[in-house]
Amino acid sequence: MVAVALTWVEYTAVDLRWLAAACRNAAAARRMLALALVLEGSPRAVAAETCGMDRQTLRDWVHRYNAEGLAGMSNRHKGLGRKPLLTPEQTAVVAELERTAPDLATHGVVRWRRADLAAVIERRFSLQRCRRAPSPRRRSLCRRVPQPRQANRQRARQHSGTAICNASPSTDERPGRRRPTTPPTPALMPPLAGSHR
């Protein structure tokens, strides 16, 4: 098999090493170092093995470097999954709808559930199949309402004037766990070093 020549001549081996040292992407930096070794005259197999890849993989990266330059050394992200059902404008409308409390007379509910949001989305945006209603826990549509326990703690903090620690209780303070009240018996303790029985 004939080795593919490096046709992108914008960078020398020294430049590629310098760029690899400055690169925050480890995989792209390894690829740049492999190309620098090739430009310095190392055999392709040695350059590939030194940088933790197969010779064929190095050949693929040489093709990509020739086609795209330094930008081609980074991984391509395929996609972020299924295309969303709602456009960004529609998502903003649903987010605003979720942030406001529903009106019993208008919406027929006192709080939003997934099924209620799905019905509203189907009516407003005429989507026939809206079984995948946005979850209230979804970050982009998350309601920032404090939990009752947090609200009580905030009120207590305001009345007492002191800060309340938000740390979770230790395992000994949790309900259902008790600290042993008696020390361990000597028969169960390991013998001390140098002691005779």
Protein backbone atom coordinates (compact mmCIF):
# COMPACT_ATOMS: atom_id res chain seq x y z
CA MET A 1 0.00 0.00 0.00
CA VAL A 2 1.37 3.40 -0.94
CA ALA A 3 1.62 5.95 1.85
CA VAL A 4 -0.61 8.96 1.39
CA ALA A 5 1.42 12.15 1.12
CA LEU A 6 0.72 15.10 3.38
CA THR A 7 -0.43 17.80 0.99
CA TRP A 8 -1.43 20.42 3.56
CA VAL A 9 1.81 22.40 3.85
CA GLU A 10 0.68 25.24 6.06
CA TYR A 11 2.34 23.79 9.18
CA THR A 12 5.77 22.28 9.71
CA ALA A 13 6.53 19.47 12.15
CA VAL A 14 7.62 22.02 14.76
CA ASP A 15 4.39 23.99 14.29
CA LEU A 16 2.31 20.82 14.69
CA ARG A 17 4.16 19.92 17.90
CA TRP A 18 3.61 23.42 19.26
CA LEU A 19 -0.09 23.33 18.35
CA ALA A 20 -0.44 19.86 19.91
CA ALA A 21 1.06 21.15 23.16
CA ALA A 22 -1.42 24.04 23.20
CA CYS A 23 -4.42 21.88 22.23
CA ARG A 24 -6.90 21.06 25.01
CA ASN A 25 -8.31 18.06 23.12
CA ALA A 26 -6.04 15.08 23.89
CA ALA A 27 -7.15 13.02 20.89
CA ALA A 28 -6.54 15.89 18.46
CA ALA A 29 -3.14 16.54 20.07
CA ARG A 30 -2.14 12.88 19.56
CA ARG A 31 -3.14 13.10 15.91
CA MET A 32 -1.10 16.29 15.44
CA LEU A 33 1.93 14.62 17.05
CA ALA A 34 1.57 11.63 14.72
CA LEU A 35 1.50 13.97 11.72
CA ALA A 36 4.56 15.79 13.08
CA LEU A 37 6.41 12.46 13.30
CA VAL A 38 5.45 11.68 9.70
CA LEU A 39 6.69 15.11 8.56
CA GLU A 40 9.99 14.48 10.38
CA GLY A 41 10.47 11.30 8.35
CA SER A 42 9.48 8.57 10.83
CA PRO A 43 7.93 5.44 9.33
CA ARG A 44 4.13 5.52 9.43
CA ALA A 45 3.94 2.37 11.55
CA VAL A 46 6.28 3.87 14.17
CA ALA A 47 4.44 7.20 14.18
CA ALA A 48 1.09 5.45 14.58
CA GLU A 49 2.31 3.15 17.36
CA THR A 50 3.99 6.02 19.21
CA CYS A 51 0.75 7.99 19.24
CA GLY A 52 -1.47 5.05 20.22
CA MET A 53 -3.21 4.25 16.95
CA ASP A 54 -3.11 1.77 14.10
CA ARG A 55 -1.33 2.51 10.83
CA GLN A 56 -4.63 2.45 8.94
CA THR A 57 -6.12 4.91 11.44
CA LEU A 58 -3.18 7.25 10.89
CA ARG A 59 -3.78 6.95 7.15
CA ASP A 60 -7.42 7.97 7.65
CA TRP A 61 -6.33 11.02 9.69
CA VAL A 62 -3.82 11.98 6.99
CA HIS A 63 -6.67 11.97 4.46
CA ARG A 64 -8.75 14.13 6.76
CA TYR A 65 -5.84 16.51 7.43
CA ASN A 66 -5.28 16.88 3.69
CA ALA A 67 -8.96 17.65 3.14
CA GLU A 68 -9.75 19.89 6.13
CA GLY A 69 -6.47 20.98 7.65
CA LEU A 70 -6.05 21.36 11.39
CA ALA A 71 -9.80 21.64 11.98
CA GLY A 72 -10.18 18.05 10.77
CA MET A 73 -8.14 16.66 13.66
CA SER A 74 -11.02 16.93 16.14
CA ASN A 75 -13.78 14.35 16.47
CA ARG A 76 -17.00 15.02 14.63
CA HIS A 77 -20.09 14.85 16.74
CA LYS A 78 -22.77 12.87 14.99
CA GLY A 79 -26.00 14.27 16.28
CA LEU A 80 -27.78 15.00 19.46
CA GLY A 81 -30.51 12.44 18.97
CA ARG A 82 -34.01 12.72 17.67
CA LYS A 83 -35.17 16.01 16.21
CA PRO A 84 -37.39 17.88 18.70
CA LEU A 85 -41.11 17.98 17.98
CA LEU A 86 -41.40 21.66 18.88
CA THR A 87 -39.61 24.59 17.31
CA PRO A 88 -37.66 26.90 19.65
CA GLU A 89 -40.52 29.42 19.53
CA GLN A 90 -43.06 26.75 20.46
CA THR A 91 -40.77 25.50 23.23
CA ALA A 92 -40.60 29.05 24.63
CA VAL A 93 -44.41 29.26 24.62
CA VAL A 94 -44.69 25.94 26.48
CA ALA A 95 -42.00 27.02 28.96
CA GLU A 96 -43.87 30.25 29.69
CA LEU A 97 -47.10 28.31 30.02
CA GLU A 98 -45.46 25.95 32.49
CA ARG A 99 -43.92 28.77 34.54
CA THR A 100 -47.33 30.33 35.07
CA ALA A 101 -49.91 28.53 37.13
CA PRO A 102 -52.79 27.11 35.09
CA ASP A 103 -56.18 28.75 35.34
CA LEU A 104 -58.91 26.34 36.41
CA ALA A 105 -61.54 28.07 34.26
CA THR A 106 -59.36 28.22 31.13
CA HIS A 107 -57.27 25.08 31.33
CA GLY A 108 -59.43 22.89 33.56
CA VAL A 109 -56.53 21.90 35.83
CA VAL A 110 -55.00 23.32 38.99
CA ARG A 111 -51.43 22.16 38.28
CA TRP A 112 -49.58 21.09 35.17
CA ARG A 113 -49.02 17.41 34.55
CA ARG A 114 -47.35 15.86 31.55
CA ALA A 115 -50.66 14.73 30.11
CA ASP A 116 -52.13 18.23 30.51
CA LEU A 117 -49.16 19.81 28.74
CA ALA A 118 -49.45 17.23 25.95
CA ALA A 119 -53.12 18.13 25.47
CA VAL A 120 -52.33 21.86 25.35
CA ILE A 121 -49.51 21.26 22.85
CA GLU A 122 -51.81 19.18 20.65
CA ARG A 123 -54.50 21.90 20.69
CA ARG A 124 -52.22 24.92 20.22
CA PHE A 125 -49.73 23.58 17.71
CA SER A 126 -51.97 20.95 16.05
CA LEU A 127 -49.56 18.11 16.60
CA GLN A 128 -51.32 14.81 16.12
CA ARG A 129 -48.89 12.63 18.00
CA CYS A 130 -47.67 14.39 21.10
CA ARG A 131 -47.16 11.48 23.48
CA ARG A 132 -43.71 12.78 24.23
CA ALA A 133 -44.84 15.78 26.21
CA PRO A 134 -42.06 17.80 27.79
CA SER A 135 -41.22 16.53 31.23
CA PRO A 136 -41.48 19.10 34.00
CA ARG A 137 -38.02 17.99 35.08
CA ARG A 138 -36.51 18.86 31.72
CA ARG A 139 -33.92 21.56 32.25
CA SER A 140 -35.04 23.89 29.52
CA LEU A 141 -38.60 23.91 30.85
CA CYS A 142 -37.80 23.52 34.54
CA ARG A 143 -39.94 25.45 36.97
CA ARG A 144 -37.81 27.12 39.59
CA VAL A 145 -40.19 26.73 42.52
CA PRO A 146 -38.66 26.06 45.95
CA GLN A 147 -39.71 22.89 47.70
CA PRO A 148 -41.78 23.31 50.88
CA ARG A 149 -38.94 22.17 53.13
CA GLN A 150 -36.59 24.71 51.57
CA ALA A 151 -39.17 27.47 51.95
CA ASN A 152 -39.61 26.59 55.62
CA ARG A 153 -35.84 26.67 56.13
CA GLN A 154 -35.64 30.07 54.44
CA ARG A 155 -38.39 31.43 56.69
CA ALA A 156 -36.65 30.01 59.76
CA ARG A 157 -33.38 31.60 58.65
CA GLN A 158 -35.09 34.99 58.26
CA HIS A 159 -36.68 34.80 61.71
CA SER A 160 -33.62 33.54 63.56
CA GLY A 161 -31.06 35.65 61.72
CA THR A 162 -28.58 32.77 61.56
CA ALA A 163 -27.40 30.70 58.64
CA ILE A 164 -28.67 27.16 58.34
CA CYS A 165 -26.31 24.51 57.07
CA ASN A 166 -27.57 22.74 53.95
CA ALA A 167 -25.31 19.74 54.48
CA SER A 168 -26.97 16.37 54.63
CA PRO A 169 -27.00 14.64 58.00
CA SER A 170 -24.33 12.08 58.67
CA THR A 171 -25.22 8.42 58.57
CA ASP A 172 -25.41 8.34 62.37
CA GLU A 173 -28.06 11.08 62.47
CA ARG A 174 -30.34 9.56 59.86
CA PRO A 175 -33.49 7.87 61.07
CA GLY A 176 -33.18 4.14 61.54
CA ARG A 177 -29.43 4.22 62.23
CA ARG A 178 -28.16 4.26 65.75
CA ARG A 179 -24.69 4.54 67.13
CA PRO A 180 -23.73 1.62 69.38
CA THR A 181 -24.10 2.58 73.01
CA THR A 182 -21.62 0.10 74.48
CA PRO A 183 -17.97 -0.26 73.54
CA PRO A 184 -16.92 -3.51 71.86
CA THR A 185 -16.07 -6.38 74.20
CA PRO A 186 -12.39 -7.25 74.69
CA ALA A 187 -12.94 -10.73 73.25
CA LEU A 188 -13.88 -9.24 69.88
CA MET A 189 -11.02 -6.74 69.77
CA PRO A 190 -7.83 -7.74 67.91
CA PRO A 191 -4.77 -8.26 70.12
CA LEU A 192 -2.32 -5.38 70.39
CA ALA A 193 1.13 -5.78 68.93
CA GLY A 194 3.58 -7.16 71.47
CA SER A 195 0.94 -8.27 73.99
CA HIS A 196 0.99 -11.82 75.37
CA ARG A 197 -1.98 -13.90 76.42
